[in-house]
PDB file of all heavy atoms in Angstrom:
ATOM      1  N   MET A   1     105.570 109.397  98.298  1.00  0.00           N
ATOM      2  CA  MET A   1     105.316 107.970  98.447  1.00  0.00           C
ATOM      3  C   MET A   1     104.507 107.455  97.255  1.00  0.00           C
ATOM      4  O   MET A   1     103.395 107.930  96.996  1.00  0.00           O
ATOM      5  CB  MET A   1     104.550 107.690  99.740  1.00  0.00           C
ATOM      6  CG  MET A   1     104.084 106.245  99.900  1.00  0.00           C
ATOM      7  SD  MET A   1     105.424 105.028  99.876  1.00  0.00           S
ATOM      8  CE  MET A   1     106.209 105.366 101.455  1.00  0.00           C
ATOM      9  N   LEU A   2     105.082 106.501  96.538  1.00  0.00           N
ATOM     10  CA  LEU A   2     104.395 105.819  95.434  1.00  0.00           C
ATOM     11  C   LEU A   2     104.688 104.325  95.606  1.00  0.00           C
ATOM     12  O   LEU A   2     105.693 103.820  95.142  1.00  0.00           O
ATOM     13  CB  LEU A   2     104.898 106.327  94.075  1.00  0.00           C
ATOM     14  CG  LEU A   2     104.511 107.767  93.727  1.00  0.00           C
ATOM     15  CD1 LEU A   2     105.311 108.271  92.535  1.00  0.00           C
ATOM     16  CD2 LEU A   2     103.011 107.846  93.428  1.00  0.00           C
ATOM     17  N   ARG A   3     103.793 103.631  96.273  1.00  0.00           N
ATOM     18  CA  ARG A   3     104.061 102.279  96.731  1.00  0.00           C
ATOM     19  C   ARG A   3     104.164 101.270  95.588  1.00  0.00           C
ATOM     20  O   ARG A   3     103.401 101.316  94.624  1.00  0.00           O
ATOM     21  CB  ARG A   3     102.970 101.825  97.699  1.00  0.00           C
ATOM     22  CG  ARG A   3     103.278 100.494  98.375  1.00  0.00           C
ATOM     23  CD  ARG A   3     102.199 100.109  99.356  1.00  0.00           C
ATOM     24  NE  ARG A   3     102.056 101.035 100.452  1.00  0.00           N
ATOM     25  CZ  ARG A   3     102.859 101.093 101.497  1.00  0.00           C
ATOM     26  NH1 ARG A   3     103.907 100.280 101.568  1.00  0.00           N
ATOM     27  NH2 ARG A   3     102.641 101.951 102.466  1.00  0.00           N
ATOM     28  N   TYR A   4     105.123 100.351  95.742  1.00  0.00           N
ATOM     29  CA  TYR A   4     105.233  99.171  94.891  1.00  0.00           C
ATOM     30  C   TYR A   4     104.953  97.980  95.789  1.00  0.00           C
ATOM     31  O   TYR A   4     105.691  97.710  96.739  1.00  0.00           O
ATOM     32  CB  TYR A   4     106.618  99.066  94.254  1.00  0.00           C
ATOM     33  CG  TYR A   4     106.784  97.835  93.396  1.00  0.00           C
ATOM     34  CD1 TYR A   4     106.423  97.863  92.059  1.00  0.00           C
ATOM     35  CD2 TYR A   4     107.263  96.638  93.935  1.00  0.00           C
ATOM     36  CE1 TYR A   4     106.559  96.725  91.259  1.00  0.00           C
ATOM     37  CE2 TYR A   4     107.400  95.505  93.150  1.00  0.00           C
ATOM     38  CZ  TYR A   4     107.050  95.553  91.820  1.00  0.00           C
ATOM     39  OH  TYR A   4     107.163  94.425  91.040  1.00  0.00           O
ATOM     40  N   ALA A   5     103.874  97.250  95.519  1.00  0.00           N
ATOM     41  CA  ALA A   5     103.370  96.233  96.441  1.00  0.00           C
ATOM     42  C   ALA A   5     104.257  94.994  96.485  1.00  0.00           C
ATOM     43  O   ALA A   5     104.625  94.440  95.448  1.00  0.00           O
ATOM     44  CB  ALA A   5     101.958  95.834  96.040  1.00  0.00           C
ATOM     45  N   ILE A   6     104.565  94.551  97.716  1.00  0.00           N
ATOM     46  CA  ILE A   6     105.290  93.286  97.929  1.00  0.00           C
ATOM     47  C   ILE A   6     104.760  92.549  99.153  1.00  0.00           C
ATOM     48  O   ILE A   6     105.396  91.614  99.639  1.00  0.00           O
ATOM     49  CB  ILE A   6     106.807  93.521  98.088  1.00  0.00           C
ATOM     50  CG1 ILE A   6     107.086  94.560  99.172  1.00  0.00           C
ATOM     51  CG2 ILE A   6     107.455  93.907  96.778  1.00  0.00           C
ATOM     52  CD1 ILE A   6     108.543  94.644  99.575  1.00  0.00           C
ATOM     53  N   HIS A   7     103.589  92.970  99.663  1.00  0.00           N
ATOM     54  CA  HIS A   7     102.984  92.346 100.835  1.00  0.00           C
ATOM     55  C   HIS A   7     101.502  92.072 100.567  1.00  0.00           C
ATOM     56  O   HIS A   7     100.919  92.619  99.627  1.00  0.00           O
ATOM     57  CB  HIS A   7     103.103  93.233 102.074  1.00  0.00           C
ATOM     58  CG  HIS A   7     104.492  93.404 102.587  1.00  0.00           C
ATOM     59  ND1 HIS A   7     105.110  92.480 103.401  1.00  0.00           N
ATOM     60  CD2 HIS A   7     105.399  94.397 102.395  1.00  0.00           C
ATOM     61  CE1 HIS A   7     106.338  92.911 103.697  1.00  0.00           C
ATOM     62  NE2 HIS A   7     106.537  94.052 103.097  1.00  0.00           N
ATOM     63  N   CYS A   8     100.912  91.280 101.430  1.00  0.00           N
ATOM     64  CA  CYS A   8      99.486  90.951 101.320  1.00  0.00           C
ATOM     65  C   CYS A   8      98.611  92.011 101.957  1.00  0.00           C
ATOM     66  O   CYS A   8      98.958  92.624 102.963  1.00  0.00           O
ATOM     67  CB  CYS A   8      99.198  89.610 101.997  1.00  0.00           C
ATOM     68  SG  CYS A   8      99.721  88.152 101.067  1.00  0.00           S
ATOM     69  N   THR A   9      97.431  92.184 101.370  1.00  0.00           N
ATOM     70  CA  THR A   9      96.345  92.913 102.021  1.00  0.00           C
ATOM     71  C   THR A   9      95.538  91.912 102.857  1.00  0.00           C
ATOM     72  O   THR A   9      95.735  90.692 102.757  1.00  0.00           O
ATOM     73  CB  THR A   9      95.418  93.544 100.985  1.00  0.00           C
ATOM     74  OG1 THR A   9      94.790  92.499 100.233  1.00  0.00           O
ATOM     75  CG2 THR A   9      96.178  94.461 100.030  1.00  0.00           C
ATOM     76  N   GLN A  10      94.603  92.418 103.651  1.00  0.00           N
ATOM     77  CA  GLN A  10      93.743  91.520 104.407  1.00  0.00           C
ATOM     78  C   GLN A  10      92.955  90.620 103.470  1.00  0.00           C
ATOM     79  O   GLN A  10      92.778  89.417 103.732  1.00  0.00           O
ATOM     80  CB  GLN A  10      92.792  92.324 105.299  1.00  0.00           C
ATOM     81  CG  GLN A  10      91.796  91.445 106.052  1.00  0.00           C
ATOM     82  CD  GLN A  10      90.999  92.214 107.068  1.00  0.00           C
ATOM     83  OE1 GLN A  10      91.554  92.721 108.055  1.00  0.00           O
ATOM     84  NE2 GLN A  10      89.690  92.323 106.869  1.00  0.00           N
ATOM     85  N   GLU A  11      92.475  91.182 102.379  1.00  0.00           N
ATOM     86  CA  GLU A  11      91.720  90.392 101.407  1.00  0.00           C
ATOM     87  C   GLU A  11      92.551  89.233 100.885  1.00  0.00           C
ATOM     88  O   GLU A  11      92.076  88.086 100.784  1.00  0.00           O
ATOM     89  CB  GLU A  11      91.301  91.312 100.252  1.00  0.00           C
ATOM     90  CG  GLU A  11      90.554  90.645  99.132  1.00  0.00           C
ATOM     91  CD  GLU A  11      90.251  91.601  97.985  1.00  0.00           C
ATOM     92  OE1 GLU A  11      90.474  92.827  98.144  1.00  0.00           O
ATOM     93  OE2 GLU A  11      89.813  91.122  96.930  1.00  0.00           O
ATOM     94  N   GLU A  12      93.815  89.486 100.539  1.00  0.00           N
ATOM     95  CA  GLU A  12      94.693  88.430 100.033  1.00  0.00           C
ATOM     96  C   GLU A  12      95.051  87.428 101.128  1.00  0.00           C
ATOM     97  O   GLU A  12      95.143  86.220 100.877  1.00  0.00           O
ATOM     98  CB  GLU A  12      95.947  89.052  99.427  1.00  0.00           C
ATOM     99  CG  GLU A  12      95.661  89.818  98.140  1.00  0.00           C
ATOM    100  CD  GLU A  12      96.805  90.720  97.726  1.00  0.00           C
ATOM    101  OE1 GLU A  12      97.486  91.268  98.613  1.00  0.00           O
ATOM    102  OE2 GLU A  12      97.007  90.883  96.521  1.00  0.00           O
ATOM    103  N   MET A  13      95.266  87.934 102.338  1.00  0.00           N
ATOM    104  CA  MET A  13      95.573  87.056 103.464  1.00  0.00           C
ATOM    105  C   MET A  13      94.412  86.090 103.726  1.00  0.00           C
ATOM    106  O   MET A  13      94.626  84.885 103.948  1.00  0.00           O
ATOM    107  CB  MET A  13      95.871  87.897 104.701  1.00  0.00           C
ATOM    108  CG  MET A  13      96.165  87.098 105.965  1.00  0.00           C
ATOM    109  SD  MET A  13      94.683  86.580 106.894  1.00  0.00           S
ATOM    110  CE  MET A  13      93.997  88.164 107.385  1.00  0.00           C
ATOM    111  N   LEU A  14      93.197  86.578 103.681  1.00  0.00           N
ATOM    112  CA  LEU A  14      92.038  85.724 103.912  1.00  0.00           C
ATOM    113  C   LEU A  14      91.880  84.702 102.778  1.00  0.00           C
ATOM    114  O   LEU A  14      91.413  83.582 103.012  1.00  0.00           O
ATOM    115  CB  LEU A  14      90.781  86.575 104.051  1.00  0.00           C
ATOM    116  CG  LEU A  14      90.688  87.382 105.351  1.00  0.00           C
ATOM    117  CD1 LEU A  14      89.466  88.297 105.323  1.00  0.00           C
ATOM    118  CD2 LEU A  14      90.633  86.464 106.569  1.00  0.00           C
ATOM    119  N   SER A  15      92.270  85.079 101.574  1.00  0.00           N
ATOM    120  CA  SER A  15      92.245  84.138 100.466  1.00  0.00           C
ATOM    121  C   SER A  15      93.228  82.993 100.722  1.00  0.00           C
ATOM    122  O   SER A  15      92.929  81.820 100.436  1.00  0.00           O
ATOM    123  CB  SER A  15      92.592  84.846  99.155  1.00  0.00           C
ATOM    124  OG  SER A  15      92.654  83.946  98.077  1.00  0.00           O
ATOM    125  N   VAL A  16      94.404  83.325 101.247  1.00  0.00           N
ATOM    126  CA  VAL A  16      95.376  82.293 101.616  1.00  0.00           C
ATOM    127  C   VAL A  16      94.795  81.405 102.721  1.00  0.00           C
ATOM    128  O   VAL A  16      94.853  80.162 102.644  1.00  0.00           O
ATOM    129  CB  VAL A  16      96.691  82.930 102.097  1.00  0.00           C
ATOM    130  CG1 VAL A  16      97.633  81.871 102.665  1.00  0.00           C
ATOM    131  CG2 VAL A  16      97.371  83.684 100.964  1.00  0.00           C
ATOM    132  N   ALA A  17      94.220  82.019 103.745  1.00  0.00           N
ATOM    133  CA  ALA A  17      93.670  81.259 104.858  1.00  0.00           C
ATOM    134  C   ALA A  17      92.569  80.304 104.407  1.00  0.00           C
ATOM    135  O   ALA A  17      92.449  79.182 104.914  1.00  0.00           O
ATOM    136  CB  ALA A  17      93.134  82.206 105.922  1.00  0.00           C
ATOM    137  N   ALA A  18      91.768  80.725 103.420  1.00  0.00           N
ATOM    138  CA  ALA A  18      90.652  79.904 102.935  1.00  0.00           C
ATOM    139  C   ALA A  18      91.128  78.640 102.232  1.00  0.00           C
ATOM    140  O   ALA A  18      90.354  77.682 102.095  1.00  0.00           O
ATOM    141  CB  ALA A  18      89.777  80.723 101.991  1.00  0.00           C
ATOM    142  N   GLN A  19      92.385  78.614 101.809  1.00  0.00           N
ATOM    143  CA  GLN A  19      92.918  77.451 101.102  1.00  0.00           C
ATOM    144  C   GLN A  19      93.605  76.458 102.046  1.00  0.00           C
ATOM    145  O   GLN A  19      94.218  75.494 101.597  1.00  0.00           O
ATOM    146  CB  GLN A  19      93.917  77.913 100.038  1.00  0.00           C
ATOM    147  CG  GLN A  19      93.302  78.829  98.979  1.00  0.00           C
ATOM    148  CD  GLN A  19      94.359  79.342  98.018  1.00  0.00           C
ATOM    149  OE1 GLN A  19      94.994  78.580  97.291  1.00  0.00           O
ATOM    150  NE2 GLN A  19      94.555  80.644  98.028  1.00  0.00           N
ATOM    151  N   ASN A  20      93.474  76.722 103.347  1.00  0.00           N
ATOM    152  CA  ASN A  20      94.160  75.908 104.340  1.00  0.00           C
ATOM    153  C   ASN A  20      93.242  75.622 105.522  1.00  0.00           C
ATOM    154  O   ASN A  20      92.108  76.106 105.581  1.00  0.00           O
ATOM    155  CB  ASN A  20      95.427  76.640 104.826  1.00  0.00           C
ATOM    156  CG  ASN A  20      96.447  76.811 103.723  1.00  0.00           C
ATOM    157  OD1 ASN A  20      97.223  75.917 103.431  1.00  0.00           O
ATOM    158  ND2 ASN A  20      96.446  77.979 103.085  1.00  0.00           N
ATOM    159  N   ASP A  21      93.745  74.837 106.444  1.00  0.00           N
ATOM    160  CA  ASP A  21      93.005  74.488 107.652  1.00  0.00           C
ATOM    161  C   ASP A  21      93.741  75.094 108.841  1.00  0.00           C
ATOM    162  O   ASP A  21      94.578  74.428 109.470  1.00  0.00           O
ATOM    163  CB  ASP A  21      92.903  72.957 107.769  1.00  0.00           C
ATOM    164  CG  ASP A  21      92.245  72.513 109.079  1.00  0.00           C
ATOM    165  OD1 ASP A  21      91.466  73.300 109.645  1.00  0.00           O
ATOM    166  OD2 ASP A  21      92.535  71.381 109.525  1.00  0.00           O
ATOM    167  N   PHE A  22      93.444  76.363 109.135  1.00  0.00           N
ATOM    168  CA  PHE A  22      94.072  77.075 110.248  1.00  0.00           C
ATOM    169  C   PHE A  22      93.049  77.240 111.373  1.00  0.00           C
ATOM    170  O   PHE A  22      91.982  77.828 111.160  1.00  0.00           O
ATOM    171  CB  PHE A  22      94.569  78.446 109.810  1.00  0.00           C
ATOM    172  CG  PHE A  22      95.619  78.421 108.721  1.00  0.00           C
ATOM    173  CD1 PHE A  22      95.704  79.449 107.801  1.00  0.00           C
ATOM    174  CD2 PHE A  22      96.527  77.379 108.643  1.00  0.00           C
ATOM    175  CE1 PHE A  22      96.669  79.438 106.806  1.00  0.00           C
ATOM    176  CE2 PHE A  22      97.495  77.338 107.645  1.00  0.00           C
ATOM    177  CZ  PHE A  22      97.566  78.385 106.722  1.00  0.00           C
ATOM    178  N   SER A  23      93.377  76.763 112.566  1.00  0.00           N
ATOM    179  CA  SER A  23      92.450  76.900 113.688  1.00  0.00           C
ATOM    180  C   SER A  23      92.370  78.334 114.188  1.00  0.00           C
ATOM    181  O   SER A  23      91.318  78.786 114.630  1.00  0.00           O
ATOM    182  CB  SER A  23      92.886  75.973 114.834  1.00  0.00           C
ATOM    183  OG  SER A  23      92.935  74.629 114.401  1.00  0.00           O
ATOM    184  N   ARG A  24      93.482  79.048 114.122  1.00  0.00           N
ATOM    185  CA  ARG A  24      93.520  80.449 114.547  1.00  0.00           C
ATOM    186  C   ARG A  24      94.477  81.211 113.645  1.00  0.00           C
ATOM    187  O   ARG A  24      95.507  80.682 113.212  1.00  0.00           O
ATOM    188  CB  ARG A  24      93.998  80.565 116.001  1.00  0.00           C
ATOM    189  CG  ARG A  24      93.994  81.995 116.556  1.00  0.00           C
ATOM    190  CD  ARG A  24      94.790  82.077 117.842  1.00  0.00           C
ATOM    191  NE  ARG A  24      94.168  81.358 118.930  1.00  0.00           N
ATOM    192  CZ  ARG A  24      93.326  81.900 119.818  1.00  0.00           C
ATOM    193  NH1 ARG A  24      93.005  83.174 119.713  1.00  0.00           N
ATOM    194  NH2 ARG A  24      92.822  81.171 120.785  1.00  0.00           N
TER     195      ARG A  24
END
């Protein structure tokens, strides 16, 4: 296994969430 990234990590997901107004 030698991963090639094409998905978000939690850190990246939270960065996306911080740029928006999500209640949950």
